[in-house]
Amino acid sequence: MLATVDGREIVLSRREFAILMALMERPGVIRSRQQLEDRLYGWQEEVESNAIEVHIHNLRAKIGKTSIDTVRGLGYRMRPDR
């Protein structure tokens, strides 16, 4: 999937795109790891223990390291100023 960030197009996997959309729906609102897993995988699939972290890492590499905050013990949020 293609997304435009700061005027440049980047290629995102389907799951990276889904996470990005979940975070961008409400910038500044913390999404727990479980909320993101449920959105990506639903209730039926088993998820590797660090799958969300890997997707977040890849997203940060593509859109910028400062765009997504980790809120220790709670989850992730998109910076409101993005």
Protein backbone atom coordinates (compact mmCIF):
# COMPACT_ATOMS: atom_id res chain seq x y z
CA MET A 1 0.00 0.00 0.00
CA LEU A 2 1.16 3.52 -0.69
CA ALA A 3 1.01 6.34 1.83
CA THR A 4 2.17 9.92 1.52
CA VAL A 5 4.31 11.28 4.35
CA ASP A 6 5.75 14.79 4.19
CA GLY A 7 5.09 14.89 0.45
CA ARG A 8 6.83 11.62 -0.37
CA GLU A 9 5.25 8.29 -1.16
CA ILE A 10 6.25 5.29 0.92
CA VAL A 11 5.33 1.63 0.56
CA LEU A 12 3.70 0.02 3.58
CA SER A 13 2.66 -3.55 4.19
CA ARG A 14 -1.02 -4.16 4.84
CA ARG A 15 -0.40 -4.52 8.57
CA GLU A 16 1.86 -1.47 8.80
CA PHE A 17 -0.89 0.52 7.05
CA ALA A 18 -3.53 -0.79 9.47
CA ILE A 19 -1.43 0.20 12.49
CA LEU A 20 -0.73 3.62 11.01
CA MET A 21 -4.46 4.17 10.39
CA ALA A 22 -5.33 3.06 13.93
CA LEU A 23 -2.83 5.52 15.38
CA MET A 24 -3.78 8.37 13.05
CA GLU A 25 -7.52 8.07 13.71
CA ARG A 26 -6.99 9.79 17.04
CA PRO A 27 -3.52 11.34 17.35
CA GLY A 28 -2.37 11.57 20.94
CA VAL A 29 -4.64 8.73 22.09
CA ILE A 30 -2.76 5.70 23.37
CA ARG A 31 -3.55 2.40 21.64
CA SER A 32 -2.57 -0.65 23.66
CA ARG A 33 -0.66 -3.50 22.12
CA GLN A 34 -3.76 -5.65 22.59
CA GLN A 35 -5.98 -3.14 20.75
CA LEU A 36 -3.56 -3.10 17.82
CA GLU A 37 -3.33 -6.91 17.78
CA ASP A 38 -7.12 -7.22 17.78
CA ARG A 39 -7.36 -4.76 14.91
CA LEU A 40 -4.69 -6.51 12.85
CA TYR A 41 -5.33 -10.14 13.61
CA GLY A 42 -8.80 -10.37 15.09
CA TRP A 43 -9.66 -12.83 17.81
CA GLN A 44 -8.98 -15.95 15.77
CA GLU A 45 -5.25 -15.77 15.02
CA GLU A 46 -2.35 -16.42 17.33
CA VAL A 47 0.20 -13.64 17.25
CA GLU A 48 3.94 -13.84 17.77
CA SER A 49 4.83 -12.10 21.02
CA ASN A 50 6.71 -9.23 19.38
CA ALA A 51 4.78 -8.83 16.11
CA ILE A 52 3.40 -5.38 16.97
CA GLU A 53 6.81 -4.16 18.08
CA VAL A 54 8.33 -5.28 14.76
CA HIS A 55 5.61 -3.50 12.77
CA ILE A 56 6.09 -0.32 14.83
CA HIS A 57 9.86 -0.52 14.31
CA ASN A 58 9.37 -0.84 10.54
CA LEU A 59 6.88 2.03 10.49
CA ARG A 60 9.28 4.30 12.37
CA ALA A 61 12.01 3.49 9.86
CA LYS A 62 9.69 4.50 7.03
CA ILE A 63 7.88 7.55 8.43
CA GLY A 64 10.37 8.88 10.98
CA LYS A 65 11.45 7.77 14.41
CA THR A 66 9.72 10.64 16.22
CA SER A 67 6.27 10.15 14.69
CA ILE A 68 5.14 7.33 16.99
CA ASP A 69 5.62 7.48 20.74
CA THR A 70 5.96 4.45 22.98
CA VAL A 71 4.12 5.02 26.25
CA ARG A 72 5.84 2.58 28.54
CA GLY A 73 3.48 -0.01 29.99
CA LEU A 74 0.49 1.36 28.05
CA GLY A 75 1.04 1.23 24.30
CA TYR A 76 1.68 3.55 21.36
CA ARG A 77 0.38 6.86 20.09
CA MET A 78 0.85 9.07 17.08
CA ARG A 79 2.27 12.43 17.96
CA PRO A 80 -0.55 14.97 17.73
CA ASP A 81 1.55 17.38 15.68
CA ARG A 82 1.99 14.87 12.80
